[in-house]
Amino acid sequence: MPESWWGNAIFSLVPTIVLGLIFWMVMRMIIRGDRTARMEYDRIEAEERIKMGLPPRGAAPAAVAEAASASPALGASAPTPDRSAPGDLPK
């Protein structure tokens, strides 16, 4: 154990700083890994929707709203997309 005041201060601060840096690095890796996994999942989901002939995610409600605003008479009776289709992926 250091006997001088400065040596004692440095000796007591270094472990705290090192543990803080380790914690920061681990959290950074977790957050980046999660972000990468989500982007990869979205890419795979988009590819599968294209293979099944489904519109891109989030495009179906906009198309229905556009059709309803283009023709008010059709808007009331226009069919809504079937959310329980066998090939539809969950959101």
PDB file of N, CA and C in Angstrom:
ATOM      1  N   MET A   1       0.850  -1.169   0.000  1.00  0.00           N
ATOM      2  CA  MET A   1       0.000   0.000   0.000  1.00  0.00           C
ATOM      3  C   MET A   1       0.896   1.234   0.000  1.00  0.00           C
ATOM      4  N   PRO A   2       0.616   2.196  -0.944  1.00  0.00           N
ATOM      5  CA  PRO A   2       1.444   3.405  -1.001  1.00  0.00           C
ATOM      6  C   PRO A   2       1.292   4.253   0.267  1.00  0.00           C
ATOM      7  N   GLU A   3       2.386   4.897   0.658  1.00  0.00           N
ATOM      8  CA  GLU A   3       2.387   5.727   1.857  1.00  0.00           C
ATOM      9  C   GLU A   3       2.095   7.201   1.561  1.00  0.00           C
ATOM     10  N   SER A   4       2.374   7.654   0.340  1.00  0.00           N
ATOM     11  CA  SER A   4       2.149   9.064   0.018  1.00  0.00           C
ATOM     12  C   SER A   4       0.675   9.305  -0.321  1.00  0.00           C
ATOM     13  N   TRP A   5       0.260  10.550  -0.220  1.00  0.00           N
ATOM     14  CA  TRP A   5      -1.132  10.898  -0.479  1.00  0.00           C
ATOM     15  C   TRP A   5      -1.488  10.669  -1.945  1.00  0.00           C
ATOM     16  N   TRP A   6      -0.643  11.097  -2.885  1.00  0.00           N
ATOM     17  CA  TRP A   6      -0.896  10.918  -4.304  1.00  0.00           C
ATOM     18  C   TRP A   6      -0.875   9.445  -4.702  1.00  0.00           C
ATOM     19  N   GLY A   7       0.039   8.709  -4.175  1.00  0.00           N
ATOM     20  CA  GLY A   7       0.091   7.277  -4.470  1.00  0.00           C
ATOM     21  C   GLY A   7      -1.159   6.564  -3.995  1.00  0.00           C
ATOM     22  N   ASN A   8      -1.633   6.925  -2.808  1.00  0.00           N
ATOM     23  CA  ASN A   8      -2.840   6.335  -2.260  1.00  0.00           C
ATOM     24  C   ASN A   8      -4.056   6.720  -3.109  1.00  0.00           C
ATOM     25  N   ALA A   9      -4.122   7.976  -3.582  1.00  0.00           N
ATOM     26  CA  ALA A   9      -5.244   8.420  -4.405  1.00  0.00           C
ATOM     27  C   ALA A   9      -5.269   7.654  -5.729  1.00  0.00           C
ATOM     28  N   ILE A  10      -4.122   7.520  -6.360  1.00  0.00           N
ATOM     29  CA  ILE A  10      -4.050   6.793  -7.628  1.00  0.00           C
ATOM     30  C   ILE A  10      -4.370   5.312  -7.424  1.00  0.00           C
ATOM     31  N   PHE A  11      -3.840   4.756  -6.357  1.00  0.00           N
ATOM     32  CA  PHE A  11      -4.063   3.343  -6.046  1.00  0.00           C
ATOM     33  C   PHE A  11      -5.548   3.053  -5.816  1.00  0.00           C
ATOM     34  N   SER A  12      -6.284   4.012  -5.296  1.00  0.00           N
ATOM     35  CA  SER A  12      -7.698   3.769  -5.037  1.00  0.00           C
ATOM     36  C   SER A  12      -8.582   4.121  -6.235  1.00  0.00           C
ATOM     37  N   LEU A  13      -8.121   4.955  -7.148  1.00  0.00           N
ATOM     38  CA  LEU A  13      -8.944   5.332  -8.303  1.00  0.00           C
ATOM     39  C   LEU A  13      -8.778   4.388  -9.495  1.00  0.00           C
ATOM     40  N   VAL A  14      -7.619   3.801  -9.663  1.00  0.00           N
ATOM     41  CA  VAL A  14      -7.352   2.946 -10.821  1.00  0.00           C
ATOM     42  C   VAL A  14      -8.328   1.764 -10.904  1.00  0.00           C
ATOM     43  N   PRO A  15      -8.587   1.006  -9.846  1.00  0.00           N
ATOM     44  CA  PRO A  15      -9.539  -0.110  -9.973  1.00  0.00           C
ATOM     45  C   PRO A  15     -10.947   0.354 -10.370  1.00  0.00           C
ATOM     46  N   THR A  16     -11.388   1.499  -9.851  1.00  0.00           N
ATOM     47  CA  THR A  16     -12.713   2.012 -10.202  1.00  0.00           C
ATOM     48  C   THR A  16     -12.772   2.372 -11.680  1.00  0.00           C
ATOM     49  N   ILE A  17     -11.733   3.021 -12.169  1.00  0.00           N
ATOM     50  CA  ILE A  17     -11.701   3.406 -13.577  1.00  0.00           C
ATOM     51  C   ILE A  17     -11.642   2.173 -14.477  1.00  0.00           C
ATOM     52  N   VAL A  18     -10.845   1.200 -14.119  1.00  0.00           N
ATOM     53  CA  VAL A  18     -10.725  -0.021 -14.924  1.00  0.00           C
ATOM     54  C   VAL A  18     -12.054  -0.764 -14.960  1.00  0.00           C
ATOM     55  N   LEU A  19     -12.716  -0.918 -13.819  1.00  0.00           N
ATOM     56  CA  LEU A  19     -14.007  -1.600 -13.799  1.00  0.00           C
ATOM     57  C   LEU A  19     -15.057  -0.818 -14.591  1.00  0.00           C
ATOM     58  N   GLY A  20     -15.007   0.495 -14.528  1.00  0.00           N
ATOM     59  CA  GLY A  20     -15.924   1.319 -15.314  1.00  0.00           C
ATOM     60  C   GLY A  20     -15.713   1.125 -16.805  1.00  0.00           C
ATOM     61  N   LEU A  21     -14.454   1.065 -17.229  1.00  0.00           N
ATOM     62  CA  LEU A  21     -14.160   0.833 -18.644  1.00  0.00           C
ATOM     63  C   LEU A  21     -14.605  -0.554 -19.101  1.00  0.00           C
ATOM     64  N   ILE A  22     -14.401  -1.553 -18.259  1.00  0.00           N
ATOM     65  CA  ILE A  22     -14.845  -2.909 -18.598  1.00  0.00           C
ATOM     66  C   ILE A  22     -16.365  -2.941 -18.730  1.00  0.00           C
ATOM     67  N   PHE A  23     -17.076  -2.314 -17.792  1.00  0.00           N
ATOM     68  CA  PHE A  23     -18.539  -2.263 -17.849  1.00  0.00           C
ATOM     69  C   PHE A  23     -18.997  -1.561 -19.127  1.00  0.00           C
ATOM     70  N   TRP A  24     -18.361  -0.440 -19.466  1.00  0.00           N
ATOM     71  CA  TRP A  24     -18.724   0.311 -20.670  1.00  0.00           C
ATOM     72  C   TRP A  24     -18.514  -0.540 -21.921  1.00  0.00           C
ATOM     73  N   MET A  25     -17.389  -1.260 -21.994  1.00  0.00           N
ATOM     74  CA  MET A  25     -17.108  -2.091 -23.165  1.00  0.00           C
ATOM     75  C   MET A  25     -18.133  -3.221 -23.301  1.00  0.00           C
ATOM     76  N   VAL A  26     -18.481  -3.861 -22.189  1.00  0.00           N
ATOM     77  CA  VAL A  26     -19.450  -4.959 -22.238  1.00  0.00           C
ATOM     78  C   VAL A  26     -20.817  -4.438 -22.681  1.00  0.00           C
ATOM     79  N   MET A  27     -21.264  -3.315 -22.114  1.00  0.00           N
ATOM     80  CA  MET A  27     -22.560  -2.751 -22.498  1.00  0.00           C
ATOM     81  C   MET A  27     -22.551  -2.338 -23.971  1.00  0.00           C
ATOM     82  N   ARG A  28     -21.458  -1.783 -24.437  1.00  0.00           N
ATOM     83  CA  ARG A  28     -21.345  -1.369 -25.835  1.00  0.00           C
ATOM     84  C   ARG A  28     -21.450  -2.580 -26.753  1.00  0.00           C
ATOM     85  N   MET A  29     -20.800  -3.684 -26.393  1.00  0.00           N
ATOM     86  CA  MET A  29     -20.874  -4.891 -27.209  1.00  0.00           C
ATOM     87  C   MET A  29     -22.290  -5.467 -27.223  1.00  0.00           C
ATOM     88  N   ILE A  30     -22.972  -5.445 -26.090  1.00  0.00           N
ATOM     89  CA  ILE A  30     -24.337  -5.959 -26.017  1.00  0.00           C
ATOM     90  C   ILE A  30     -25.264  -5.133 -26.900  1.00  0.00           C
ATOM     91  N   ILE A  31     -25.173  -3.821 -26.800  1.00  0.00           N
ATOM     92  CA  ILE A  31     -26.061  -2.949 -27.577  1.00  0.00           C
ATOM     93  C   ILE A  31     -25.780  -3.072 -29.069  1.00  0.00           C
ATOM     94  N   ARG A  32     -24.522  -3.101 -29.457  1.00  0.00           N
ATOM     95  CA  ARG A  32     -24.191  -3.262 -30.873  1.00  0.00           C
ATOM     96  C   ARG A  32     -24.620  -4.631 -31.400  1.00  0.00           C
ATOM     97  N   GLY A  33     -24.458  -5.663 -30.604  1.00  0.00           N
ATOM     98  CA  GLY A  33     -24.887  -6.999 -31.025  1.00  0.00           C
ATOM     99  C   GLY A  33     -26.396  -7.068 -31.212  1.00  0.00           C
ATOM    100  N   ASP A  34     -27.136  -6.443 -30.319  1.00  0.00           N
ATOM    101  CA  ASP A  34     -28.589  -6.421 -30.434  1.00  0.00           C
ATOM    102  C   ASP A  34     -29.012  -5.668 -31.692  1.00  0.00           C
ATOM    103  N   ARG A  35     -28.381  -4.529 -31.945  1.00  0.00           N
ATOM    104  CA  ARG A  35     -28.714  -3.736 -33.129  1.00  0.00           C
ATOM    105  C   ARG A  35     -28.425  -4.528 -34.400  1.00  0.00           C
ATOM    106  N   THR A  36     -27.299  -5.216 -34.443  1.00  0.00           N
ATOM    107  CA  THR A  36     -26.939  -6.010 -35.615  1.00  0.00           C
ATOM    108  C   THR A  36     -27.912  -7.164 -35.813  1.00  0.00           C
ATOM    109  N   ALA A  37     -28.294  -7.832 -34.732  1.00  0.00           N
ATOM    110  CA  ALA A  37     -29.238  -8.945 -34.836  1.00  0.00           C
ATOM    111  C   ALA A  37     -30.597  -8.465 -35.336  1.00  0.00           C
ATOM    112  N   ARG A  38     -31.059  -7.313 -34.857  1.00  0.00           N
ATOM    113  CA  ARG A  38     -32.346  -6.781 -35.318  1.00  0.00           C
ATOM    114  C   ARG A  38     -32.299  -6.418 -36.799  1.00  0.00           C
ATOM    115  N   MET A  39     -31.211  -5.819 -37.243  1.00  0.00           N
ATOM    116  CA  MET A  39     -31.096  -5.471 -38.667  1.00  0.00           C
ATOM    117  C   MET A  39     -31.070  -6.730 -39.530  1.00  0.00           C
ATOM    118  N   GLU A  40     -30.375  -7.758 -39.074  1.00  0.00           N
ATOM    119  CA  GLU A  40     -30.308  -9.014 -39.813  1.00  0.00           C
ATOM    120  C   GLU A  40     -31.679  -9.681 -39.862  1.00  0.00           C
ATOM    121  N   TYR A  41     -32.397  -9.668 -38.746  1.00  0.00           N
ATOM    122  CA  TYR A  41     -33.744 -10.251 -38.712  1.00  0.00           C
ATOM    123  C   TYR A  41     -34.666  -9.503 -39.674  1.00  0.00           C
ATOM    124  N   ASP A  42     -34.605  -8.174 -39.704  1.00  0.00           N
ATOM    125  CA  ASP A  42     -35.434  -7.386 -40.613  1.00  0.00           C
ATOM    126  C   ASP A  42     -35.096  -7.687 -42.074  1.00  0.00           C
ATOM    127  N   ARG A  43     -33.810  -7.877 -42.366  1.00  0.00           N
ATOM    128  CA  ARG A  43     -33.401  -8.199 -43.733  1.00  0.00           C
ATOM    129  C   ARG A  43     -33.952  -9.560 -44.151  1.00  0.00           C
ATOM    130  N   ILE A  44     -33.839 -10.546 -43.274  1.00  0.00           N
ATOM    131  CA  ILE A  44     -34.336 -11.890 -43.576  1.00  0.00           C
ATOM    132  C   ILE A  44     -35.855 -11.857 -43.726  1.00  0.00           C
ATOM    133  N   GLU A  45     -36.530 -11.118 -42.848  1.00  0.00           N
ATOM    134  CA  GLU A  45     -37.989 -11.029 -42.928  1.00  0.00           C
ATOM    135  C   GLU A  45     -38.414 -10.386 -44.246  1.00  0.00           C
ATOM    136  N   ALA A  46     -37.730  -9.340 -44.695  1.00  0.00           N
ATOM    137  CA  ALA A  46     -38.055  -8.688 -45.963  1.00  0.00           C
ATOM    138  C   ALA A  46     -37.860  -9.662 -47.129  1.00  0.00           C
ATOM    139  N   GLU A  47     -36.783 -10.439 -47.095  1.00  0.00           N
ATOM    140  CA  GLU A  47     -36.553 -11.431 -48.154  1.00  0.00           C
ATOM    141  C   GLU A  47     -37.663 -12.471 -48.186  1.00  0.00           C
ATOM    142  N   GLU A  48     -38.083 -12.947 -47.015  1.00  0.00           N
ATOM    143  CA  GLU A  48     -39.133 -13.960 -46.959  1.00  0.00           C
ATOM    144  C   GLU A  48     -40.474 -13.393 -47.414  1.00  0.00           C
ATOM    145  N   ARG A  49     -40.770 -12.136 -47.075  1.00  0.00           N
ATOM    146  CA  ARG A  49     -42.017 -11.519 -47.522  1.00  0.00           C
ATOM    147  C   ARG A  49     -42.024 -11.395 -49.040  1.00  0.00           C
ATOM    148  N   ILE A  50     -40.872 -11.063 -49.637  1.00  0.00           N
ATOM    149  CA  ILE A  50     -40.781 -10.970 -51.093  1.00  0.00           C
ATOM    150  C   ILE A  50     -41.007 -12.344 -51.720  1.00  0.00           C
ATOM    151  N   LYS A  51     -40.417 -13.392 -51.141  1.00  0.00           N
ATOM    152  CA  LYS A  51     -40.588 -14.747 -51.666  1.00  0.00           C
ATOM    153  C   LYS A  51     -42.043 -15.181 -51.636  1.00  0.00           C
ATOM    154  N   MET A  52     -42.784 -14.748 -50.589  1.00  0.00           N
ATOM    155  CA  MET A  52     -44.187 -15.139 -50.452  1.00  0.00           C
ATOM    156  C   MET A  52     -45.126 -14.218 -51.226  1.00  0.00           C
ATOM    157  N   GLY A  53     -44.578 -13.178 -51.824  1.00  0.00           N
ATOM    158  CA  GLY A  53     -45.406 -12.264 -52.586  1.00  0.00           C
ATOM    159  C   GLY A  53     -46.170 -11.266 -51.731  1.00  0.00           C
ATOM    160  N   LEU A  54     -45.741 -11.073 -50.517  1.00  0.00           N
ATOM    161  CA  LEU A  54     -46.401 -10.124 -49.620  1.00  0.00           C
ATOM    162  C   LEU A  54     -45.770  -8.746 -49.782  1.00  0.00           C
ATOM    163  N   PRO A  55     -46.525  -7.697 -49.469  1.00  0.00           N
ATOM    164  CA  PRO A  55     -45.929  -6.354 -49.554  1.00  0.00           C
ATOM    165  C   PRO A  55     -44.897  -6.171 -48.453  1.00  0.00           C
ATOM    166  N   PRO A  56     -44.029  -5.193 -48.621  1.00  0.00           N
ATOM    167  CA  PRO A  56     -43.055  -4.924 -47.560  1.00  0.00           C
ATOM    168  C   PRO A  56     -43.749  -4.589 -46.248  1.00  0.00           C
ATOM    169  N   ARG A  57     -43.101  -4.857 -45.169  1.00  0.00           N
ATOM    170  CA  ARG A  57     -43.672  -4.627 -43.850  1.00  0.00           C
ATOM    171  C   ARG A  57     -44.035  -3.147 -43.691  1.00  0.00           C
ATOM    172  N   GLY A  58     -45.274  -2.893 -43.285  1.00  0.00           N
ATOM    173  CA  GLY A  58     -45.729  -1.527 -43.090  1.00  0.00           C
ATOM    174  C   GLY A  58     -46.327  -0.914 -44.341  1.00  0.00           C
ATOM    175  N   ALA A  59     -46.269  -1.588 -45.491  1.00  0.00           N
ATOM    176  CA  ALA A  59     -46.800  -1.020 -46.727  1.00  0.00           C
ATOM    177  C   ALA A  59     -48.287  -1.306 -46.883  1.00  0.00           C
ATOM    178  N   ALA A  60     -48.799  -2.386 -46.323  1.00  0.00           N
ATOM    179  CA  ALA A  60     -50.200  -2.754 -46.513  1.00  0.00           C
ATOM    180  C   ALA A  60     -51.163  -1.726 -45.922  1.00  0.00           C
ATOM    181  N   PRO A  61     -50.990  -1.246 -44.690  1.00  0.00           N
ATOM    182  CA  PRO A  61     -51.928  -0.255 -44.162  1.00  0.00           C
ATOM    183  C   PRO A  61     -51.928   1.034 -44.972  1.00  0.00           C
ATOM    184  N   ALA A  62     -50.800   1.441 -45.496  1.00  0.00           N
ATOM    185  CA  ALA A  62     -50.731   2.664 -46.289  1.00  0.00           C
ATOM    186  C   ALA A  62     -51.485   2.480 -47.603  1.00  0.00           C
ATOM    187  N   ALA A  63     -51.386   1.304 -48.221  1.00  0.00           N
ATOM    188  CA  ALA A  63     -52.081   1.047 -49.479  1.00  0.00           C
ATOM    189  C   ALA A  63     -53.587   1.053 -49.260  1.00  0.00           C
ATOM    190  N   VAL A  64     -54.049   0.499 -48.154  1.00  0.00           N
ATOM    191  CA  VAL A  64     -55.479   0.489 -47.845  1.00  0.00           C
ATOM    192  C   VAL A  64     -55.962   1.904 -47.585  1.00  0.00           C
ATOM    193  N   ALA A  65     -55.187   2.698 -46.850  1.00  0.00           N
ATOM    194  CA  ALA A  65     -55.576   4.078 -46.564  1.00  0.00           C
ATOM    195  C   ALA A  65     -55.596   4.901 -47.845  1.00  0.00           C
ATOM    196  N   GLU A  66     -54.654   4.657 -48.757  1.00  0.00           N
ATOM    197  CA  GLU A  66     -54.607   5.377 -50.027  1.00  0.00           C
ATOM    198  C   GLU A  66     -55.819   5.042 -50.875  1.00  0.00           C
ATOM    199  N   ALA A  67     -56.212   3.776 -50.911  1.00  0.00           N
ATOM    200  CA  ALA A  67     -57.382   3.368 -51.686  1.00  0.00           C
ATOM    201  C   ALA A  67     -58.648   3.972 -51.092  1.00  0.00           C
ATOM    202  N   ALA A  68     -58.725   4.061 -49.782  1.00  0.00           N
ATOM    203  CA  ALA A  68     -59.908   4.620 -49.128  1.00  0.00           C
ATOM    204  C   ALA A  68     -60.022   6.113 -49.396  1.00  0.00           C
ATOM    205  N   SER A  69     -58.899   6.828 -49.435  1.00  0.00           N
ATOM    206  CA  SER A  69     -58.954   8.263 -49.684  1.00  0.00           C
ATOM    207  C   SER A  69     -59.198   8.564 -51.154  1.00  0.00           C
ATOM    208  N   ALA A  70     -58.812   7.672 -52.056  1.00  0.00           N
ATOM    209  CA  ALA A  70     -59.009   7.890 -53.482  1.00  0.00           C
ATOM    210  C   ALA A  70     -60.479   7.757 -53.863  1.00  0.00           C
ATOM    211  N   SER A  71     -61.166   6.848 -53.237  1.00  0.00           N
ATOM    212  CA  SER A  71     -62.570   6.630 -53.535  1.00  0.00           C
ATOM    213  C   SER A  71     -63.333   6.445 -52.231  1.00  0.00           C
ATOM    214  N   PRO A  72     -64.033   7.480 -51.754  1.00  0.00           N
ATOM    215  CA  PRO A  72     -64.743   7.366 -50.469  1.00  0.00           C
ATOM    216  C   PRO A  72     -65.796   6.282 -50.472  1.00  0.00           C
ATOM    217  N   ALA A  73     -66.435   6.027 -51.606  1.00  0.00           N
ATOM    218  CA  ALA A  73     -67.466   4.992 -51.654  1.00  0.00           C
ATOM    219  C   ALA A  73     -66.836   3.607 -51.454  1.00  0.00           C
ATOM    220  N   LEU A  74     -65.643   3.423 -51.997  1.00  0.00           N
ATOM    221  CA  LEU A  74     -64.978   2.136 -51.820  1.00  0.00           C
ATOM    222  C   LEU A  74     -64.338   2.016 -50.449  1.00  0.00           C
ATOM    223  N   GLY A  75     -64.022   3.139 -49.830  1.00  0.00           N
ATOM    224  CA  GLY A  75     -63.352   3.120 -48.541  1.00  0.00           C
ATOM    225  C   GLY A  75     -64.143   2.412 -47.470  1.00  0.00           C
ATOM    226  N   ALA A  76     -65.456   2.551 -47.493  1.00  0.00           N
ATOM    227  CA  ALA A  76     -66.289   1.920 -46.475  1.00  0.00           C
ATOM    228  C   ALA A  76     -66.419   0.426 -46.717  1.00  0.00           C
ATOM    229  N   SER A  77     -66.419   0.019 -47.993  1.00  0.00           N
ATOM    230  CA  SER A  77     -66.634  -1.396 -48.269  1.00  0.00           C
ATOM    231  C   SER A  77     -65.370  -2.113 -48.732  1.00  0.00           C
ATOM    232  N   ALA A  78     -64.258  -1.405 -48.789  1.00  0.00           N
ATOM    233  CA  ALA A  78     -63.017  -2.038 -49.243  1.00  0.00           C
ATOM    234  C   ALA A  78     -62.568  -3.078 -48.231  1.00  0.00           C
ATOM    235  N   PRO A  79     -62.185  -4.246 -48.718  1.00  0.00           N
ATOM    236  CA  PRO A  79     -61.742  -5.286 -47.768  1.00  0.00           C
ATOM    237  C   PRO A  79     -60.411  -4.912 -47.131  1.00  0.00           C
ATOM    238  N   THR A  80     -60.293  -5.237 -45.890  1.00  0.00           N
ATOM    239  CA  THR A  80     -59.036  -5.010 -45.194  1.00  0.00           C
ATOM    240  C   THR A  80     -58.153  -6.226 -45.395  1.00  0.00           C
ATOM    241  N   PRO A  81     -56.851  -6.063 -45.352  1.00  0.00           N
ATOM    242  CA  PRO A  81     -55.975  -7.222 -45.536  1.00  0.00           C
ATOM    243  C   PRO A  81     -56.193  -8.250 -44.437  1.00  0.00           C
ATOM    244  N   ASP A  82     -56.189  -9.508 -44.828  1.00  0.00           N
ATOM    245  CA  ASP A  82     -56.396 -10.599 -43.876  1.00  0.00           C
ATOM    246  C   ASP A  82     -55.122 -10.776 -43.051  1.00  0.00           C
ATOM    247  N   ARG A  83     -55.163 -10.444 -41.788  1.00  0.00           N
ATOM    248  CA  ARG A  83     -53.987 -10.531 -40.913  1.00  0.00           C
ATOM    249  C   ARG A  83     -53.690 -11.973 -40.484  1.00  0.00           C
ATOM    250  N   SER A  84     -54.624 -12.863 -40.688  1.00  0.00           N
ATOM    251  CA  SER A  84     -54.400 -14.229 -40.242  1.00  0.00           C
ATOM    252  C   SER A  84     -54.046 -15.155 -41.406  1.00  0.00           C
ATOM    253  N   ALA A  85     -53.520 -14.594 -42.486  1.00  0.00           N
ATOM    254  CA  ALA A  85     -53.117 -15.421 -43.623  1.00  0.00           C
ATOM    255  C   ALA A  85     -52.015 -16.370 -43.198  1.00  0.00           C
ATOM    256  N   PRO A  86     -52.018 -17.591 -43.706  1.00  0.00           N
ATOM    257  CA  PRO A  86     -51.026 -18.579 -43.249  1.00  0.00           C
ATOM    258  C   PRO A  86     -49.578 -18.158 -43.487  1.00  0.00           C
ATOM    259  N   GLY A  87     -49.294 -17.405 -44.552  1.00  0.00           N
ATOM    260  CA  GLY A  87     -47.915 -17.044 -44.852  1.00  0.00           C
ATOM    261  C   GLY A  87     -47.484 -15.718 -44.249  1.00  0.00           C
ATOM    262  N   ASP A  88     -48.385 -15.018 -43.584  1.00  0.00           N
ATOM    263  CA  ASP A  88     -48.064 -13.703 -43.033  1.00  0.00           C
ATOM    264  C   ASP A  88     -47.185 -13.844 -41.796  1.00  0.00           C
ATOM    265  N   LEU A  89     -46.141 -13.049 -41.738  1.00  0.00           N
ATOM    266  CA  LEU A  89     -45.223 -13.096 -40.607  1.00  0.00           C
ATOM    267  C   LEU A  89     -45.728 -12.185 -39.494  1.00  0.00           C
ATOM    268  N   PRO A  90     -45.510 -12.529 -38.240  1.00  0.00           N
ATOM    269  CA  PRO A  90     -45.928 -11.645 -37.141  1.00  0.00           C
ATOM    270  C   PRO A  90     -45.098 -10.387 -37.122  1.00  0.00           C
ATOM    271  N   LYS A  91     -45.680  -9.318 -36.606  1.00  0.00           N
ATOM    272  CA  LYS A  91     -44.972  -8.040 -36.538  1.00  0.00           C
ATOM    273  C   LYS A  91     -44.271  -7.887 -35.226  1.00  0.00           C
TER     274      LYS A  91
END
